[in-house]
Amino acid sequence: MQMNTQSPNGEFHAGVFDCFSNCGTCVLAWFCPCVVYGQNQAALKNGDGWVVDSALYLAAACCGCNSCLGAVGRDKIRESRGIEGQFITDCLLHTCCVPCTLTQERVELMQAGKI
């Protein structure tokens, strides 16, 4: 499978509220967002060590900082794919709609051939 490293139009392939296009990920992100976050970050790093990133997200959630950590992860995905955006928007998305945001990130990584 050939890897597509850049988004063709500088935007995510799926919208934030297209989360039901990948129902399995959306449900997992609803109940265990730390797992999806960890898997997304591992895929971005071309590795399979998602447990550490998941534990970090869980620890951040315990002290209310998971939105900032999620925004950092989203920023990395945007940067790797050439997608425009701002950190504050990423932070708000991870504050208001975690399952949809994580699912959107997963779909983007799938489009890139990383998952």
PDB file of N, CA and C in Angstrom:
ATOM      1  N   MET A   1       0.844  -1.174   0.000  1.00  0.00           N
ATOM      2  CA  MET A   1       0.000   0.000   0.000  1.00  0.00           C
ATOM      3  C   MET A   1       0.892   1.240   0.000  1.00  0.00           C
ATOM      4  N   GLN A   2       0.621   2.166  -0.918  1.00  0.00           N
ATOM      5  CA  GLN A   2       1.409   3.385  -0.999  1.00  0.00           C
ATOM      6  C   GLN A   2       0.892   4.380   0.021  1.00  0.00           C
ATOM      7  N   MET A   3       1.831   5.040   0.718  1.00  0.00           N
ATOM      8  CA  MET A   3       1.449   5.978   1.743  1.00  0.00           C
ATOM      9  C   MET A   3       1.297   7.376   1.157  1.00  0.00           C
ATOM     10  N   ASN A   4       0.165   8.003   1.429  1.00  0.00           N
ATOM     11  CA  ASN A   4      -0.103   9.367   1.024  1.00  0.00           C
ATOM     12  C   ASN A   4       0.250  10.264   2.198  1.00  0.00           C
ATOM     13  N   THR A   5       1.319  11.054   2.070  1.00  0.00           N
ATOM     14  CA  THR A   5       1.800  11.799   3.222  1.00  0.00           C
ATOM     15  C   THR A   5       1.151  13.154   3.398  1.00  0.00           C
ATOM     16  N   GLN A   6       0.532  13.704   2.380  1.00  0.00           N
ATOM     17  CA  GLN A   6      -0.084  15.014   2.473  1.00  0.00           C
ATOM     18  C   GLN A   6      -1.567  14.935   2.131  1.00  0.00           C
ATOM     19  N   SER A   7      -2.354  15.729   2.817  1.00  0.00           N
ATOM     20  CA  SER A   7      -3.760  15.855   2.477  1.00  0.00           C
ATOM     21  C   SER A   7      -3.850  16.699   1.211  1.00  0.00           C
ATOM     22  N   PRO A   8      -4.626  16.268   0.217  1.00  0.00           N
ATOM     23  CA  PRO A   8      -4.615  16.965  -1.067  1.00  0.00           C
ATOM     24  C   PRO A   8      -5.095  18.417  -1.017  1.00  0.00           C
ATOM     25  N   ASN A   9      -5.988  18.739  -0.119  1.00  0.00           N
ATOM     26  CA  ASN A   9      -6.525  20.100  -0.089  1.00  0.00           C
ATOM     27  C   ASN A   9      -6.225  20.833   1.218  1.00  0.00           C
ATOM     28  N   GLY A  10      -5.334  20.311   2.026  1.00  0.00           N
ATOM     29  CA  GLY A  10      -4.978  20.962   3.287  1.00  0.00           C
ATOM     30  C   GLY A  10      -6.044  20.856   4.355  1.00  0.00           C
ATOM     31  N   GLU A  11      -6.955  19.900   4.201  1.00  0.00           N
ATOM     32  CA  GLU A  11      -8.024  19.694   5.175  1.00  0.00           C
ATOM     33  C   GLU A  11      -8.125  18.209   5.515  1.00  0.00           C
ATOM     34  N   PHE A  12      -8.783  17.910   6.618  1.00  0.00           N
ATOM     35  CA  PHE A  12      -9.041  16.523   6.971  1.00  0.00           C
ATOM     36  C   PHE A  12      -9.962  15.910   5.917  1.00  0.00           C
ATOM     37  N   HIS A  13      -9.788  14.617   5.655  1.00  0.00           N
ATOM     38  CA  HIS A  13     -10.628  13.920   4.682  1.00  0.00           C
ATOM     39  C   HIS A  13     -12.085  13.841   5.155  1.00  0.00           C
ATOM     40  N   ALA A  14     -12.278  13.694   6.430  1.00  0.00           N
ATOM     41  CA  ALA A  14     -13.623  13.581   6.999  1.00  0.00           C
ATOM     42  C   ALA A  14     -13.871  14.776   7.913  1.00  0.00           C
ATOM     43  N   GLY A  15     -15.110  15.175   8.002  1.00  0.00           N
ATOM     44  CA  GLY A  15     -15.475  16.252   8.915  1.00  0.00           C
ATOM     45  C   GLY A  15     -15.503  15.746  10.352  1.00  0.00           C
ATOM     46  N   VAL A  16     -15.513  16.669  11.283  1.00  0.00           N
ATOM     47  CA  VAL A  16     -15.547  16.289  12.699  1.00  0.00           C
ATOM     48  C   VAL A  16     -16.792  15.466  13.007  1.00  0.00           C
ATOM     49  N   PHE A  17     -17.914  15.830  12.417  1.00  0.00           N
ATOM     50  CA  PHE A  17     -19.160  15.141  12.730  1.00  0.00           C
ATOM     51  C   PHE A  17     -19.473  14.001  11.762  1.00  0.00           C
ATOM     52  N   ASP A  18     -18.469  13.559  11.035  1.00  0.00           N
ATOM     53  CA  ASP A  18     -18.589  12.352  10.218  1.00  0.00           C
ATOM     54  C   ASP A  18     -18.148  11.132  11.022  1.00  0.00           C
ATOM     55  N   CYS A  19     -18.199  11.242  12.331  1.00  0.00           N
ATOM     56  CA  CYS A  19     -17.660  10.195  13.188  1.00  0.00           C
ATOM     57  C   CYS A  19     -18.381   8.862  13.031  1.00  0.00           C
ATOM     58  N   PHE A  20     -19.628   8.881  12.580  1.00  0.00           N
ATOM     59  CA  PHE A  20     -20.345   7.624  12.440  1.00  0.00           C
ATOM     60  C   PHE A  20     -19.980   6.881  11.158  1.00  0.00           C
ATOM     61  N   SER A  21     -19.104   7.481  10.354  1.00  0.00           N
ATOM     62  CA  SER A  21     -18.602   6.757   9.191  1.00  0.00           C
ATOM     63  C   SER A  21     -17.643   5.650   9.621  1.00  0.00           C
ATOM     64  N   ASN A  22     -17.159   5.742  10.841  1.00  0.00           N
ATOM     65  CA  ASN A  22     -16.304   4.708  11.424  1.00  0.00           C
ATOM     66  C   ASN A  22     -16.849   4.426  12.833  1.00  0.00           C
ATOM     67  N   CYS A  23     -17.972   3.730  12.874  1.00  0.00           N
ATOM     68  CA  CYS A  23     -18.699   3.526  14.136  1.00  0.00           C
ATOM     69  C   CYS A  23     -17.887   2.815  15.205  1.00  0.00           C
ATOM     70  N   GLY A  24     -17.092   1.833  14.804  1.00  0.00           N
ATOM     71  CA  GLY A  24     -16.290   1.098  15.790  1.00  0.00           C
ATOM     72  C   GLY A  24     -15.341   2.008  16.541  1.00  0.00           C
ATOM     73  N   THR A  25     -14.645   2.869  15.806  1.00  0.00           N
ATOM     74  CA  THR A  25     -13.722   3.804  16.447  1.00  0.00           C
ATOM     75  C   THR A  25     -14.486   4.819  17.288  1.00  0.00           C
ATOM     76  N   CYS A  26     -15.614   5.271  16.777  1.00  0.00           N
ATOM     77  CA  CYS A  26     -16.403   6.262  17.512  1.00  0.00           C
ATOM     78  C   CYS A  26     -16.872   5.706  18.858  1.00  0.00           C
ATOM     79  N   VAL A  27     -17.357   4.483  18.859  1.00  0.00           N
ATOM     80  CA  VAL A  27     -17.815   3.862  20.109  1.00  0.00           C
ATOM     81  C   VAL A  27     -16.641   3.673  21.069  1.00  0.00           C
ATOM     82  N   LEU A  28     -15.513   3.195  20.546  1.00  0.00           N
ATOM     83  CA  LEU A  28     -14.330   3.031  21.391  1.00  0.00           C
ATOM     84  C   LEU A  28     -13.869   4.372  21.943  1.00  0.00           C
ATOM     85  N   ALA A  29     -13.909   5.416  21.114  1.00  0.00           N
ATOM     86  CA  ALA A  29     -13.492   6.751  21.560  1.00  0.00           C
ATOM     87  C   ALA A  29     -14.464   7.323  22.591  1.00  0.00           C
ATOM     88  N   TRP A  30     -15.712   6.918  22.512  1.00  0.00           N
ATOM     89  CA  TRP A  30     -16.698   7.395  23.484  1.00  0.00           C
ATOM     90  C   TRP A  30     -16.428   6.794  24.865  1.00  0.00           C
ATOM     91  N   PHE A  31     -16.135   5.495  24.906  1.00  0.00           N
ATOM     92  CA  PHE A  31     -15.962   4.821  26.182  1.00  0.00           C
ATOM     93  C   PHE A  31     -14.512   4.765  26.662  1.00  0.00           C
ATOM     94  N   CYS A  32     -13.557   4.733  25.738  1.00  0.00           N
ATOM     95  CA  CYS A  32     -12.129   4.626  26.087  1.00  0.00           C
ATOM     96  C   CYS A  32     -11.287   5.548  25.200  1.00  0.00           C
ATOM     97  N   PRO A  33     -11.451   6.858  25.343  1.00  0.00           N
ATOM     98  CA  PRO A  33     -10.712   7.769  24.465  1.00  0.00           C
ATOM     99  C   PRO A  33      -9.201   7.625  24.595  1.00  0.00           C
ATOM    100  N   CYS A  34      -8.738   7.204  25.766  1.00  0.00           N
ATOM    101  CA  CYS A  34      -7.295   7.052  25.947  1.00  0.00           C
ATOM    102  C   CYS A  34      -6.731   5.979  25.024  1.00  0.00           C
ATOM    103  N   VAL A  35      -7.508   4.938  24.753  1.00  0.00           N
ATOM    104  CA  VAL A  35      -7.043   3.869  23.862  1.00  0.00           C
ATOM    105  C   VAL A  35      -6.924   4.386  22.426  1.00  0.00           C
ATOM    106  N   VAL A  36      -7.942   5.092  21.953  1.00  0.00           N
ATOM    107  CA  VAL A  36      -7.915   5.610  20.584  1.00  0.00           C
ATOM    108  C   VAL A  36      -6.798   6.638  20.430  1.00  0.00           C
ATOM    109  N   TYR A  37      -6.638   7.506  21.436  1.00  0.00           N
ATOM    110  CA  TYR A  37      -5.552   8.483  21.382  1.00  0.00           C
ATOM    111  C   TYR A  37      -4.202   7.767  21.268  1.00  0.00           C
ATOM    112  N   GLY A  38      -3.994   6.767  22.105  1.00  0.00           N
ATOM    113  CA  GLY A  38      -2.737   6.029  22.088  1.00  0.00           C
ATOM    114  C   GLY A  38      -2.498   5.320  20.768  1.00  0.00           C
ATOM    115  N   GLN A  39      -3.540   4.712  20.225  1.00  0.00           N
ATOM    116  CA  GLN A  39      -3.410   4.024  18.938  1.00  0.00           C
ATOM    117  C   GLN A  39      -3.106   5.012  17.816  1.00  0.00           C
ATOM    118  N   ASN A  40      -3.759   6.169  17.845  1.00  0.00           N
ATOM    119  CA  ASN A  40      -3.506   7.189  16.818  1.00  0.00           C
ATOM    120  C   ASN A  40      -2.058   7.672  16.884  1.00  0.00           C
ATOM    121  N   GLN A  41      -1.574   7.929  18.086  1.00  0.00           N
ATOM    122  CA  GLN A  41      -0.212   8.430  18.219  1.00  0.00           C
ATOM    123  C   GLN A  41       0.811   7.365  17.831  1.00  0.00           C
ATOM    124  N   ALA A  42       0.531   6.121  18.164  1.00  0.00           N
ATOM    125  CA  ALA A  42       1.435   5.029  17.771  1.00  0.00           C
ATOM    126  C   ALA A  42       1.481   4.897  16.249  1.00  0.00           C
ATOM    127  N   ALA A  43       0.326   5.014  15.604  1.00  0.00           N
ATOM    128  CA  ALA A  43       0.271   4.923  14.146  1.00  0.00           C
ATOM    129  C   ALA A  43       1.046   6.076  13.511  1.00  0.00           C
ATOM    130  N   LEU A  44       0.952   7.229  14.099  1.00  0.00           N
ATOM    131  CA  LEU A  44       1.666   8.392  13.581  1.00  0.00           C
ATOM    132  C   LEU A  44       3.175   8.190  13.660  1.00  0.00           C
ATOM    133  N   LYS A  45       3.602   7.489  14.689  1.00  0.00           N
ATOM    134  CA  LYS A  45       5.033   7.224  14.881  1.00  0.00           C
ATOM    135  C   LYS A  45       5.469   5.924  14.207  1.00  0.00           C
ATOM    136  N   ASN A  46       4.572   5.301  13.431  1.00  0.00           N
ATOM    137  CA  ASN A  46       4.849   4.031  12.748  1.00  0.00           C
ATOM    138  C   ASN A  46       5.244   2.927  13.715  1.00  0.00           C
ATOM    139  N   GLY A  47       4.664   2.961  14.888  1.00  0.00           N
ATOM    140  CA  GLY A  47       4.974   1.938  15.885  1.00  0.00           C
ATOM    141  C   GLY A  47       3.714   1.275  16.400  1.00  0.00           C
ATOM    142  N   ASP A  48       3.896   0.294  17.241  1.00  0.00           N
ATOM    143  CA  ASP A  48       2.744  -0.377  17.818  1.00  0.00           C
ATOM    144  C   ASP A  48       2.687  -0.190  19.322  1.00  0.00           C
ATOM    145  N   GLY A  49       3.495   0.684  19.869  1.00  0.00           N
ATOM    146  CA  GLY A  49       3.523   0.912  21.312  1.00  0.00           C
ATOM    147  C   GLY A  49       2.533   1.965  21.748  1.00  0.00           C
ATOM    148  N   TRP A  50       1.254   1.609  21.723  1.00  0.00           N
ATOM    149  CA  TRP A  50       0.214   2.578  22.036  1.00  0.00           C
ATOM    150  C   TRP A  50      -0.082   2.700  23.532  1.00  0.00           C
ATOM    151  N   VAL A  51       0.382   1.762  24.325  1.00  0.00           N
ATOM    152  CA  VAL A  51       0.022   1.717  25.744  1.00  0.00           C
ATOM    153  C   VAL A  51       0.551   2.940  26.507  1.00  0.00           C
ATOM    154  N   VAL A  52       1.773   3.351  26.227  1.00  0.00           N
ATOM    155  CA  VAL A  52       2.359   4.496  26.938  1.00  0.00           C
ATOM    156  C   VAL A  52       1.572   5.763  26.634  1.00  0.00           C
ATOM    157  N   ASP A  53       1.257   5.996  25.351  1.00  0.00           N
ATOM    158  CA  ASP A  53       0.476   7.184  24.995  1.00  0.00           C
ATOM    159  C   ASP A  53      -0.922   7.134  25.611  1.00  0.00           C
ATOM    160  N   SER A  54      -1.507   5.948  25.674  1.00  0.00           N
ATOM    161  CA  SER A  54      -2.824   5.804  26.301  1.00  0.00           C
ATOM    162  C   SER A  54      -2.767   6.117  27.786  1.00  0.00           C
ATOM    163  N   ALA A  55      -1.739   5.612  28.449  1.00  0.00           N
ATOM    164  CA  ALA A  55      -1.582   5.873  29.886  1.00  0.00           C
ATOM    165  C   ALA A  55      -1.345   7.357  30.154  1.00  0.00           C
ATOM    166  N   LEU A  56      -0.584   7.994  29.280  1.00  0.00           N
ATOM    167  CA  LEU A  56      -0.335   9.429  29.411  1.00  0.00           C
ATOM    168  C   LEU A  56      -1.637  10.207  29.261  1.00  0.00           C
ATOM    169  N   TYR A  57      -2.464   9.822  28.295  1.00  0.00           N
ATOM    170  CA  TYR A  57      -3.755  10.486  28.089  1.00  0.00           C
ATOM    171  C   TYR A  57      -4.668  10.274  29.303  1.00  0.00           C
ATOM    172  N   LEU A  58      -4.670   9.066  29.838  1.00  0.00           N
ATOM    173  CA  LEU A  58      -5.483   8.771  31.018  1.00  0.00           C
ATOM    174  C   LEU A  58      -5.028   9.601  32.213  1.00  0.00           C
ATOM    175  N   ALA A  59      -3.710   9.703  32.405  1.00  0.00           N
ATOM    176  CA  ALA A  59      -3.176  10.520  33.505  1.00  0.00           C
ATOM    177  C   ALA A  59      -3.549  11.988  33.306  1.00  0.00           C
ATOM    178  N   ALA A  60      -3.469  12.460  32.070  1.00  0.00           N
ATOM    179  CA  ALA A  60      -3.833  13.848  31.780  1.00  0.00           C
ATOM    180  C   ALA A  60      -5.325  14.076  32.051  1.00  0.00           C
ATOM    181  N   ALA A  61      -6.147  13.075  31.737  1.00  0.00           N
ATOM    182  CA  ALA A  61      -7.586  13.190  31.981  1.00  0.00           C
ATOM    183  C   ALA A  61      -7.890  13.275  33.475  1.00  0.00           C
ATOM    184  N   CYS A  62      -7.110  12.574  34.272  1.00  0.00           N
ATOM    185  CA  CYS A  62      -7.322  12.592  35.725  1.00  0.00           C
ATOM    186  C   CYS A  62      -7.084  13.976  36.320  1.00  0.00           C
ATOM    187  N   CYS A  63      -6.243  14.766  35.686  1.00  0.00           N
ATOM    188  CA  CYS A  63      -5.992  16.119  36.202  1.00  0.00           C
ATOM    189  C   CYS A  63      -6.586  17.195  35.292  1.00  0.00           C
ATOM    190  N   GLY A  64      -7.444  16.790  34.353  1.00  0.00           N
ATOM    191  CA  GLY A  64      -8.150  17.743  33.516  1.00  0.00           C
ATOM    192  C   GLY A  64      -7.346  18.354  32.380  1.00  0.00           C
ATOM    193  N   CYS A  65      -6.255  17.724  32.000  1.00  0.00           N
ATOM    194  CA  CYS A  65      -5.389  18.271  30.942  1.00  0.00           C
ATOM    195  C   CYS A  65      -5.458  17.474  29.646  1.00  0.00           C
ATOM    196  N   ASN A  66      -6.410  16.554  29.533  1.00  0.00           N
ATOM    197  CA  ASN A  66      -6.471  15.714  28.330  1.00  0.00           C
ATOM    198  C   ASN A  66      -6.777  16.513  27.073  1.00  0.00           C
ATOM    199  N   SER A  67      -7.476  17.637  27.203  1.00  0.00           N
ATOM    200  CA  SER A  67      -7.760  18.460  26.017  1.00  0.00           C
ATOM    201  C   SER A  67      -6.480  19.027  25.423  1.00  0.00           C
ATOM    202  N   CYS A  68      -5.590  19.479  26.286  1.00  0.00           N
ATOM    203  CA  CYS A  68      -4.311  20.019  25.808  1.00  0.00           C
ATOM    204  C   CYS A  68      -3.459  18.919  25.191  1.00  0.00           C
ATOM    205  N   LEU A  69      -3.408  17.761  25.827  1.00  0.00           N
ATOM    206  CA  LEU A  69      -2.627  16.649  25.283  1.00  0.00           C
ATOM    207  C   LEU A  69      -3.227  16.181  23.955  1.00  0.00           C
ATOM    208  N   GLY A  70      -4.552  16.105  23.895  1.00  0.00           N
ATOM    209  CA  GLY A  70      -5.213  15.732  22.650  1.00  0.00           C
ATOM    210  C   GLY A  70      -4.915  16.729  21.541  1.00  0.00           C
ATOM    211  N   ALA A  71      -4.868  18.004  21.890  1.00  0.00           N
ATOM    212  CA  ALA A  71      -4.566  19.044  20.904  1.00  0.00           C
ATOM    213  C   ALA A  71      -3.137  18.920  20.395  1.00  0.00           C
ATOM    214  N   VAL A  72      -2.222  18.560  21.273  1.00  0.00           N
ATOM    215  CA  VAL A  72      -0.828  18.349  20.853  1.00  0.00           C
ATOM    216  C   VAL A  72      -0.762  17.188  19.858  1.00  0.00           C
ATOM    217  N   GLY A  73      -1.469  16.109  20.162  1.00  0.00           N
ATOM    218  CA  GLY A  73      -1.499  14.961  19.259  1.00  0.00           C
ATOM    219  C   GLY A  73      -2.131  15.304  17.920  1.00  0.00           C
ATOM    220  N   ARG A  74      -3.213  16.070  17.968  1.00  0.00           N
ATOM    221  CA  ARG A  74      -3.888  16.486  16.726  1.00  0.00           C
ATOM    222  C   ARG A  74      -2.974  17.391  15.898  1.00  0.00           C
ATOM    223  N   ASP A  75      -2.234  18.256  16.569  1.00  0.00           N
ATOM    224  CA  ASP A  75      -1.297  19.142  15.888  1.00  0.00           C
ATOM    225  C   ASP A  75      -0.232  18.326  15.139  1.00  0.00           C
ATOM    226  N   LYS A  76       0.225  17.258  15.766  1.00  0.00           N
ATOM    227  CA  LYS A  76       1.217  16.387  15.119  1.00  0.00           C
ATOM    228  C   LYS A  76       0.636  15.736  13.864  1.00  0.00           C
ATOM    229  N   ILE A  77      -0.607  15.309  13.949  1.00  0.00           N
ATOM    230  CA  ILE A  77      -1.265  14.702  12.788  1.00  0.00           C
ATOM    231  C   ILE A  77      -1.426  15.743  11.693  1.00  0.00           C
ATOM    232  N   ARG A  78      -1.901  16.935  12.062  1.00  0.00           N
ATOM    233  CA  ARG A  78      -2.062  17.996  11.060  1.00  0.00           C
ATOM    234  C   ARG A  78      -0.739  18.323  10.389  1.00  0.00           C
ATOM    235  N   GLU A  79       0.300  18.441  11.179  1.00  0.00           N
ATOM    236  CA  GLU A  79       1.617  18.776  10.639  1.00  0.00           C
ATOM    237  C   GLU A  79       2.122  17.699   9.683  1.00  0.00           C
ATOM    238  N   SER A  80       1.950  16.450  10.057  1.00  0.00           N
ATOM    239  CA  SER A  80       2.439  15.356   9.209  1.00  0.00           C
ATOM    240  C   SER A  80       1.670  15.253   7.896  1.00  0.00           C
ATOM    241  N   ARG A  81       0.426  15.717   7.886  1.00  0.00           N
ATOM    242  CA  ARG A  81      -0.430  15.604   6.705  1.00  0.00           C
ATOM    243  C   ARG A  81      -0.570  16.906   5.927  1.00  0.00           C
ATOM    244  N   GLY A  82       0.055  17.986   6.407  1.00  0.00           N
ATOM    245  CA  GLY A  82      -0.046  19.269   5.713  1.00  0.00           C
ATOM    246  C   GLY A  82      -1.425  19.892   5.823  1.00  0.00           C
ATOM    247  N   ILE A  83      -2.071  19.696   6.964  1.00  0.00           N
ATOM    248  CA  ILE A  83      -3.416  20.220   7.195  1.00  0.00           C
ATOM    249  C   ILE A  83      -3.305  21.509   8.000  1.00  0.00           C
ATOM    250  N   GLU A  84      -3.994  22.528   7.523  1.00  0.00           N
ATOM    251  CA  GLU A  84      -3.972  23.817   8.210  1.00  0.00           C
ATOM    252  C   GLU A  84      -4.836  23.765   9.453  1.00  0.00           C
ATOM    253  N   GLY A  85      -4.515  24.602  10.418  1.00  0.00           N
ATOM    254  CA  GLY A  85      -5.302  24.677  11.634  1.00  0.00           C
ATOM    255  C   GLY A  85      -4.553  25.402  12.729  1.00  0.00           C
ATOM    256  N   GLN A  86      -5.220  25.566  13.852  1.00  0.00           N
ATOM    257  CA  GLN A  86      -4.639  26.264  14.992  1.00  0.00           C
ATOM    258  C   GLN A  86      -4.766  25.420  16.247  1.00  0.00           C
ATOM    259  N   PHE A  87      -3.802  25.576  17.121  1.00  0.00           N
ATOM    260  CA  PHE A  87      -3.786  24.816  18.366  1.00  0.00           C
ATOM    261  C   PHE A  87      -5.044  25.080  19.196  1.00  0.00           C
ATOM    262  N   ILE A  88      -5.492  26.335  19.254  1.00  0.00           N
ATOM    263  CA  ILE A  88      -6.665  26.658  20.072  1.00  0.00           C
ATOM    264  C   ILE A  88      -7.905  25.934  19.553  1.00  0.00           C
ATOM    265  N   THR A  89      -8.026  25.809  18.236  1.00  0.00           N
ATOM    266  CA  THR A  89      -9.148  25.069  17.656  1.00  0.00           C
ATOM    267  C   THR A  89      -9.046  23.592  18.012  1.00  0.00           C
ATOM    268  N   ASP A  90      -7.825  23.061  17.921  1.00  0.00           N
ATOM    269  CA  ASP A  90      -7.606  21.662  18.294  1.00  0.00           C
ATOM    270  C   ASP A  90      -7.991  21.426  19.750  1.00  0.00           C
ATOM    271  N   CYS A  91      -7.610  22.353  20.602  1.00  0.00           N
ATOM    272  CA  CYS A  91      -7.910  22.243  22.033  1.00  0.00           C
ATOM    273  C   CYS A  91      -9.427  22.283  22.276  1.00  0.00           C
ATOM    274  N   LEU A  92     -10.114  23.188  21.602  1.00  0.00           N
ATOM    275  CA  LEU A  92     -11.574  23.275  21.751  1.00  0.00           C
ATOM    276  C   LEU A  92     -12.265  22.015  21.252  1.00  0.00           C
ATOM    277  N   LEU A  93     -11.786  21.476  20.135  1.00  0.00           N
ATOM    278  CA  LEU A  93     -12.375  20.233  19.625  1.00  0.00           C
ATOM    279  C   LEU A  93     -12.180  19.090  20.616  1.00  0.00           C
ATOM    280  N   HIS A  94     -11.002  19.026  21.216  1.00  0.00           N
ATOM    281  CA  HIS A  94     -10.749  17.956  22.191  1.00  0.00           C
ATOM    282  C   HIS A  94     -11.458  18.212  23.522  1.00  0.00           C
ATOM    283  N   THR A  95     -11.912  19.423  23.738  1.00  0.00           N
ATOM    284  CA  THR A  95     -12.686  19.731  24.941  1.00  0.00           C
ATOM    285  C   THR A  95     -14.161  19.400  24.736  1.00  0.00           C
ATOM    286  N   CYS A  96     -14.688  19.767  23.571  1.00  0.00           N
ATOM    287  CA  CYS A  96     -16.132  19.685  23.336  1.00  0.00           C
ATOM    288  C   CYS A  96     -16.613  18.391  22.696  1.00  0.00           C
ATOM    289  N   CYS A  97     -15.765  17.751  21.923  1.00  0.00           N
ATOM    290  CA  CYS A  97     -16.250  16.593  21.166  1.00  0.00           C
ATOM    291  C   CYS A  97     -15.140  15.556  20.970  1.00  0.00           C
ATOM    292  N   VAL A  98     -14.694  14.989  22.058  1.00  0.00           N
ATOM    293  CA  VAL A  98     -13.566  14.061  22.024  1.00  0.00           C
ATOM    294  C   VAL A  98     -13.802  12.866  21.100  1.00  0.00           C
ATOM    295  N   PRO A  99     -14.917  12.137  21.200  1.00  0.00           N
ATOM    296  CA  PRO A  99     -15.068  10.958  20.342  1.00  0.00           C
ATOM    297  C   PRO A  99     -15.024  11.292  18.848  1.00  0.00           C
ATOM    298  N   CYS A 100     -15.715  12.353  18.450  1.00  0.00           N
ATOM    299  CA  CYS A 100     -15.734  12.734  17.035  1.00  0.00           C
ATOM    300  C   CYS A 100     -14.364  13.200  16.571  1.00  0.00           C
ATOM    301  N   THR A 101     -13.663  13.929  17.419  1.00  0.00           N
ATOM    302  CA  THR A 101     -12.344  14.442  17.056  1.00  0.00           C
ATOM    303  C   THR A 101     -11.337  13.302  16.910  1.00  0.00           C
ATOM    304  N   LEU A 102     -11.333  12.377  17.857  1.00  0.00           N
ATOM    305  CA  LEU A 102     -10.418  11.240  17.765  1.00  0.00           C
ATOM    306  C   LEU A 102     -10.736  10.357  16.564  1.00  0.00           C
ATOM    307  N   THR A 103     -12.026  10.211  16.254  1.00  0.00           N
ATOM    308  CA  THR A 103     -12.420   9.418  15.096  1.00  0.00           C
ATOM    309  C   THR A 103     -11.964  10.095  13.804  1.00  0.00           C
ATOM    310  N   GLN A 104     -12.111  11.402  13.725  1.00  0.00           N
ATOM    311  CA  GLN A 104     -11.648  12.146  12.554  1.00  0.00           C
ATOM    312  C   GLN A 104     -10.145  11.962  12.358  1.00  0.00           C
ATOM    313  N   GLU A 105      -9.400  12.011  13.445  1.00  0.00           N
ATOM    314  CA  GLU A 105      -7.952  11.812  13.375  1.00  0.00           C
ATOM    315  C   GLU A 105      -7.626  10.405  12.897  1.00  0.00           C
ATOM    316  N   ARG A 106      -8.371   9.416  13.399  1.00  0.00           N
ATOM    317  CA  ARG A 106      -8.154   8.028  12.985  1.00  0.00           C
ATOM    318  C   ARG A 106      -8.413   7.856  11.500  1.00  0.00           C
ATOM    319  N   VAL A 107      -9.502   8.436  10.994  1.00  0.00           N
ATOM    320  CA  VAL A 107      -9.820   8.345   9.567  1.00  0.00           C
ATOM    321  C   VAL A 107      -8.696   8.975   8.743  1.00  0.00           C
ATOM    322  N   GLU A 108      -8.148  10.073   9.203  1.00  0.00           N
ATOM    323  CA  GLU A 108      -7.055  10.729   8.478  1.00  0.00           C
ATOM    324  C   GLU A 108      -5.822   9.830   8.432  1.00  0.00           C
ATOM    325  N   LEU A 109      -5.519   9.189   9.536  1.00  0.00           N
ATOM    326  CA  LEU A 109      -4.379   8.274   9.562  1.00  0.00           C
ATOM    327  C   LEU A 109      -4.623   7.061   8.661  1.00  0.00           C
ATOM    328  N   MET A 110      -5.869   6.628   8.571  1.00  0.00           N
ATOM    329  CA  MET A 110      -6.205   5.527   7.672  1.00  0.00           C
ATOM    330  C   MET A 110      -6.024   5.971   6.220  1.00  0.00           C
ATOM    331  N   GLN A 111      -6.433   7.179   5.904  1.00  0.00           N
ATOM    332  CA  GLN A 111      -6.256   7.717   4.556  1.00  0.00           C
ATOM    333  C   GLN A 111      -4.774   7.819   4.200  1.00  0.00           C
ATOM    334  N   ALA A 112      -3.936   8.069   5.200  1.00  0.00           N
ATOM    335  CA  ALA A 112      -2.506   8.198   4.978  1.00  0.00           C
ATOM    336  C   ALA A 112      -1.828   6.834   4.861  1.00  0.00           C
ATOM    337  N   GLY A 113      -2.575   5.759   5.122  1.00  0.00           N
ATOM    338  CA  GLY A 113      -2.016   4.419   5.037  1.00  0.00           C
ATOM    339  C   GLY A 113      -1.211   4.035   6.275  1.00  0.00           C
ATOM    340  N   LYS A 114      -1.443   4.739   7.373  1.00  0.00           N
ATOM    341  CA  LYS A 114      -0.696   4.438   8.596  1.00  0.00           C
ATOM    342  C   LYS A 114      -1.423   3.434   9.472  1.00  0.00           C
ATOM    343  N   ILE A 115      -2.688   3.208   9.202  1.00  0.00           N
ATOM    344  CA  ILE A 115      -3.486   2.234   9.960  1.00  0.00           C
ATOM    345  C   ILE A 115      -4.088   1.267   8.959  1.00  0.00           C
TER     346      ILE A 115
END
